[in-house]
Amino acid sequence: MRDIPKGMLAGLAATVVLSLLMVMKAMMGLMPPLDMPAMLAGAMGSPDTPLIGWIVHLSIGIVVYGVAIGVLDPKLPGTSHVGHGVMLGVIGWLIMMVVLMPMAGAGLFGMNMGVMAPMMTLVLHLIFGAVLGWVYGRSAVSQDESGSRARA
């Protein structure tokens, strides 16, 4: 359980990076036009309140992914924290593609928005997962009793 705060810190960092990429993508007008906070707000019954979508987006990134990496990192195959974060990012992407996208009316894998929607969101989730794992791995290194660096 001691790794959950580290995971939540990693979730915060990864969510900030993802959010900045989403905002930059929207500002540059890159296709497809996918406003995830608006989709989340709509799924919560508040389509005219994007702030609710942003709060849910941040909560998922910090709490859900943060707790997931904190709990699952030592149980996942391999030893790479970045690899573990990417695995969690892909799992999250799959859940988004088969649950959230159809709920938002975008169809399975968001195909109603075109083939670029699943590809773009996969790339964003891969980046998110890599940042999640990297920050978690960096914060999982601590000082042991003898003062030498050891993995926590």
C-alpha atoms as a PDB file:
ATOM      1  CA  MET A   1       0.000   0.000   0.000  1.00  0.00           C
ATOM      2  CA  ARG A   2       2.948   2.338   0.448  1.00  0.00           C
ATOM      3  CA  ASP A   3       3.303   2.580  -3.336  1.00  0.00           C
ATOM      4  CA  ILE A   4      -0.197   4.000  -3.887  1.00  0.00           C
ATOM      5  CA  PRO A   5       0.826   7.631  -3.146  1.00  0.00           C
ATOM      6  CA  LYS A   6       3.737   7.187  -5.570  1.00  0.00           C
ATOM      7  CA  GLY A   7       1.297   5.797  -8.110  1.00  0.00           C
ATOM      8  CA  MET A   8      -1.055   8.725  -7.615  1.00  0.00           C
ATOM      9  CA  LEU A   9       1.833  11.150  -8.149  1.00  0.00           C
ATOM     10  CA  ALA A  10       2.675   9.289 -11.352  1.00  0.00           C
ATOM     11  CA  GLY A  11      -1.001   9.396 -12.353  1.00  0.00           C
ATOM     12  CA  LEU A  12      -1.045  13.158 -11.810  1.00  0.00           C
ATOM     13  CA  ALA A  13       2.079  13.664 -13.942  1.00  0.00           C
ATOM     14  CA  ALA A  14       0.813  11.415 -16.737  1.00  0.00           C
ATOM     15  CA  THR A  15      -2.617  13.069 -16.693  1.00  0.00           C
ATOM     16  CA  VAL A  16      -1.083  16.539 -16.918  1.00  0.00           C
ATOM     17  CA  VAL A  17       1.017  15.451 -19.929  1.00  0.00           C
ATOM     18  CA  LEU A  18      -1.999  13.805 -21.587  1.00  0.00           C
ATOM     19  CA  SER A  19      -4.187  16.843 -20.920  1.00  0.00           C
ATOM     20  CA  LEU A  20      -1.609  19.199 -22.426  1.00  0.00           C
ATOM     21  CA  LEU A  21      -1.364  16.991 -25.512  1.00  0.00           C
ATOM     22  CA  MET A  22      -5.171  16.936 -25.817  1.00  0.00           C
ATOM     23  CA  VAL A  23      -5.393  20.728 -25.538  1.00  0.00           C
ATOM     24  CA  MET A  24      -2.538  21.220 -28.039  1.00  0.00           C
ATOM     25  CA  LYS A  25      -4.203  18.777 -30.459  1.00  0.00           C
ATOM     26  CA  ALA A  26      -7.468  20.687 -30.211  1.00  0.00           C
ATOM     27  CA  MET A  27      -5.749  24.071 -30.660  1.00  0.00           C
ATOM     28  CA  MET A  28      -3.952  22.829 -33.773  1.00  0.00           C
ATOM     29  CA  GLY A  29      -7.193  21.425 -35.175  1.00  0.00           C
ATOM     30  CA  LEU A  30      -5.746  17.972 -35.677  1.00  0.00           C
ATOM     31  CA  MET A  31      -8.210  15.298 -36.690  1.00  0.00           C
ATOM     32  CA  PRO A  32     -10.334  13.766 -35.410  1.00  0.00           C
ATOM     33  CA  PRO A  33     -12.082  16.311 -33.234  1.00  0.00           C
ATOM     34  CA  LEU A  34     -12.295  14.321 -30.010  1.00  0.00           C
ATOM     35  CA  ASP A  35     -13.144  16.224 -26.833  1.00  0.00           C
ATOM     36  CA  MET A  36     -12.807  13.584 -24.118  1.00  0.00           C
ATOM     37  CA  PRO A  37     -13.803  15.836 -21.186  1.00  0.00           C
ATOM     38  CA  ALA A  38     -16.963  16.826 -23.101  1.00  0.00           C
ATOM     39  CA  MET A  39     -17.692  13.151 -23.807  1.00  0.00           C
ATOM     40  CA  LEU A  40     -17.216  12.307 -20.121  1.00  0.00           C
ATOM     41  CA  ALA A  41     -19.453  15.190 -19.046  1.00  0.00           C
ATOM     42  CA  GLY A  42     -22.106  14.017 -21.501  1.00  0.00           C
ATOM     43  CA  ALA A  43     -21.856  10.457 -20.220  1.00  0.00           C
ATOM     44  CA  MET A  44     -22.402  11.847 -16.701  1.00  0.00           C
ATOM     45  CA  GLY A  45     -25.548  13.670 -17.839  1.00  0.00           C
ATOM     46  CA  SER A  46     -23.992  17.154 -17.900  1.00  0.00           C
ATOM     47  CA  PRO A  47     -23.074  17.790 -21.549  1.00  0.00           C
ATOM     48  CA  ASP A  48     -23.035  21.574 -21.029  1.00  0.00           C
ATOM     49  CA  THR A  49     -20.562  21.394 -18.127  1.00  0.00           C
ATOM     50  CA  PRO A  50     -17.126  20.467 -19.474  1.00  0.00           C
ATOM     51  CA  LEU A  51     -15.597  21.166 -16.041  1.00  0.00           C
ATOM     52  CA  ILE A  52     -17.278  17.971 -14.802  1.00  0.00           C
ATOM     53  CA  GLY A  53     -15.607  16.076 -17.631  1.00  0.00           C
ATOM     54  CA  TRP A  54     -12.211  17.537 -16.707  1.00  0.00           C
ATOM     55  CA  ILE A  55     -12.704  16.584 -13.057  1.00  0.00           C
ATOM     56  CA  VAL A  56     -13.627  13.017 -14.050  1.00  0.00           C
ATOM     57  CA  HIS A  57     -10.681  12.898 -16.486  1.00  0.00           C
ATOM     58  CA  LEU A  58      -8.251  14.022 -13.765  1.00  0.00           C
ATOM     59  CA  SER A  59      -9.785  11.650 -11.219  1.00  0.00           C
ATOM     60  CA  ILE A  60      -9.453   8.660 -13.530  1.00  0.00           C
ATOM     61  CA  GLY A  61      -5.833   9.509 -14.293  1.00  0.00           C
ATOM     62  CA  ILE A  62      -4.795  10.205 -10.718  1.00  0.00           C
ATOM     63  CA  VAL A  63      -6.910   7.783  -8.703  1.00  0.00           C
ATOM     64  CA  VAL A  64      -7.691   4.864 -11.021  1.00  0.00           C
ATOM     65  CA  TYR A  65      -4.381   4.709 -12.886  1.00  0.00           C
ATOM     66  CA  GLY A  66      -2.383   5.816  -9.835  1.00  0.00           C
ATOM     67  CA  VAL A  67      -3.782   3.077  -7.631  1.00  0.00           C
ATOM     68  CA  ALA A  68      -3.510   0.572 -10.492  1.00  0.00           C
ATOM     69  CA  ILE A  69       0.215   1.156 -11.049  1.00  0.00           C
ATOM     70  CA  GLY A  70       0.887   1.237  -7.306  1.00  0.00           C
ATOM     71  CA  VAL A  71      -0.836  -2.097  -6.765  1.00  0.00           C
ATOM     72  CA  LEU A  72      -0.111  -3.910 -10.035  1.00  0.00           C
ATOM     73  CA  ASP A  73       3.465  -2.837 -10.853  1.00  0.00           C
ATOM     74  CA  PRO A  74       5.137  -5.601  -8.810  1.00  0.00           C
ATOM     75  CA  LYS A  75       2.657  -8.190 -10.150  1.00  0.00           C
ATOM     76  CA  LEU A  76       2.948  -7.432 -13.879  1.00  0.00           C
ATOM     77  CA  PRO A  77       5.359  -9.435 -16.033  1.00  0.00           C
ATOM     78  CA  GLY A  78       8.789  -7.977 -16.651  1.00  0.00           C
ATOM     79  CA  THR A  79      10.747  -5.460 -14.635  1.00  0.00           C
ATOM     80  CA  SER A  80      10.229  -2.254 -16.631  1.00  0.00           C
ATOM     81  CA  HIS A  81       8.087   0.344 -14.894  1.00  0.00           C
ATOM     82  CA  VAL A  82       7.606   2.074 -18.255  1.00  0.00           C
ATOM     83  CA  GLY A  83       6.469  -1.221 -19.779  1.00  0.00           C
ATOM     84  CA  HIS A  84       4.013  -1.713 -16.933  1.00  0.00           C
ATOM     85  CA  GLY A  85       2.645   1.794 -17.432  1.00  0.00           C
ATOM     86  CA  VAL A  86       2.246   1.173 -21.152  1.00  0.00           C
ATOM     87  CA  MET A  87       0.382  -2.079 -20.375  1.00  0.00           C
ATOM     88  CA  LEU A  88      -2.021  -0.163 -18.142  1.00  0.00           C
ATOM     89  CA  GLY A  89      -2.396   2.518 -20.817  1.00  0.00           C
ATOM     90  CA  VAL A  90      -3.344  -0.095 -23.417  1.00  0.00           C
ATOM     91  CA  ILE A  91      -5.838  -1.717 -21.027  1.00  0.00           C
ATOM     92  CA  GLY A  92      -7.371   1.708 -20.373  1.00  0.00           C
ATOM     93  CA  TRP A  93      -7.525   2.393 -24.116  1.00  0.00           C
ATOM     94  CA  LEU A  94      -9.320  -0.898 -24.723  1.00  0.00           C
ATOM     95  CA  ILE A  95     -11.852  -0.113 -21.993  1.00  0.00           C
ATOM     96  CA  MET A  96     -12.367   3.336 -23.507  1.00  0.00           C
ATOM     97  CA  MET A  97     -12.852   1.858 -26.981  1.00  0.00           C
ATOM     98  CA  VAL A  98     -15.399  -0.807 -25.985  1.00  0.00           C
ATOM     99  CA  VAL A  99     -17.247   1.014 -23.160  1.00  0.00           C
ATOM    100  CA  LEU A 100     -16.907   4.814 -23.273  1.00  0.00           C
ATOM    101  CA  MET A 101     -16.924   5.331 -27.036  1.00  0.00           C
ATOM    102  CA  PRO A 102     -20.152   3.352 -27.596  1.00  0.00           C
ATOM    103  CA  MET A 103     -21.753   5.086 -24.572  1.00  0.00           C
ATOM    104  CA  ALA A 104     -20.866   8.455 -26.102  1.00  0.00           C
ATOM    105  CA  GLY A 105     -22.413   7.454 -29.433  1.00  0.00           C
ATOM    106  CA  ALA A 106     -19.081   7.185 -31.223  1.00  0.00           C
ATOM    107  CA  GLY A 107     -19.485   3.451 -31.845  1.00  0.00           C
ATOM    108  CA  LEU A 108     -17.213   0.552 -31.001  1.00  0.00           C
ATOM    109  CA  PHE A 109     -13.596   1.759 -31.105  1.00  0.00           C
ATOM    110  CA  GLY A 110     -14.954   5.223 -31.984  1.00  0.00           C
ATOM    111  CA  MET A 111     -15.327   4.174 -35.597  1.00  0.00           C
ATOM    112  CA  ASN A 112     -18.212   6.614 -36.133  1.00  0.00           C
ATOM    113  CA  MET A 113     -15.501   9.275 -35.883  1.00  0.00           C
ATOM    114  CA  GLY A 114     -13.282   7.594 -38.481  1.00  0.00           C
ATOM    115  CA  VAL A 115     -10.285   5.287 -38.342  1.00  0.00           C
ATOM    116  CA  MET A 116      -8.019   8.020 -36.940  1.00  0.00           C
ATOM    117  CA  ALA A 117      -9.941   8.188 -33.631  1.00  0.00           C
ATOM    118  CA  PRO A 118      -8.783   4.809 -32.289  1.00  0.00           C
ATOM    119  CA  MET A 119      -5.281   5.318 -33.675  1.00  0.00           C
ATOM    120  CA  MET A 120      -4.889   8.788 -32.133  1.00  0.00           C
ATOM    121  CA  THR A 121      -6.299   7.711 -28.780  1.00  0.00           C
ATOM    122  CA  LEU A 122      -4.003   4.680 -28.740  1.00  0.00           C
ATOM    123  CA  VAL A 123      -0.960   6.899 -29.287  1.00  0.00           C
ATOM    124  CA  LEU A 124      -2.126   9.213 -26.490  1.00  0.00           C
ATOM    125  CA  HIS A 125      -2.651   6.242 -24.144  1.00  0.00           C
ATOM    126  CA  LEU A 126       0.809   4.862 -25.010  1.00  0.00           C
ATOM    127  CA  ILE A 127       2.367   8.227 -24.142  1.00  0.00           C
ATOM    128  CA  PHE A 128       0.243   8.435 -20.984  1.00  0.00           C
ATOM    129  CA  GLY A 129       1.300   4.920 -19.938  1.00  0.00           C
ATOM    130  CA  ALA A 130       4.976   5.591 -20.623  1.00  0.00           C
ATOM    131  CA  VAL A 131       4.904   8.758 -18.491  1.00  0.00           C
ATOM    132  CA  LEU A 132       2.911   6.938 -15.787  1.00  0.00           C
ATOM    133  CA  GLY A 133       5.460   4.120 -15.585  1.00  0.00           C
ATOM    134  CA  TRP A 134       8.494   6.377 -15.870  1.00  0.00           C
ATOM    135  CA  VAL A 135       7.407   8.735 -13.094  1.00  0.00           C
ATOM    136  CA  TYR A 136       6.335   5.789 -10.937  1.00  0.00           C
ATOM    137  CA  GLY A 137       9.706   4.106 -11.480  1.00  0.00           C
ATOM    138  CA  ARG A 138      11.582   7.282 -10.633  1.00  0.00           C
ATOM    139  CA  SER A 139       9.574   7.777  -7.437  1.00  0.00           C
ATOM    140  CA  ALA A 140       9.844   4.091  -6.478  1.00  0.00           C
ATOM    141  CA  VAL A 141      13.588   4.536  -5.887  1.00  0.00           C
ATOM    142  CA  SER A 142      14.341   5.495  -2.289  1.00  0.00           C
ATOM    143  CA  GLN A 143      17.100   5.462   0.269  1.00  0.00           C
ATOM    144  CA  ASP A 144      17.404   2.290   2.368  1.00  0.00           C
ATOM    145  CA  GLU A 145      18.764   2.164   5.940  1.00  0.00           C
ATOM    146  CA  SER A 146      22.419   2.060   4.856  1.00  0.00           C
ATOM    147  CA  GLY A 147      22.065   5.146   2.706  1.00  0.00           C
ATOM    148  CA  SER A 148      22.581   3.331  -0.591  1.00  0.00           C
ATOM    149  CA  ARG A 149      19.962   3.597  -3.344  1.00  0.00           C
ATOM    150  CA  ALA A 150      17.528   0.699  -3.492  1.00  0.00           C
ATOM    151  CA  ARG A 151      14.206   0.007  -5.167  1.00  0.00           C
ATOM    152  CA  ALA A 152      11.247   0.484  -2.874  1.00  0.00           C
END
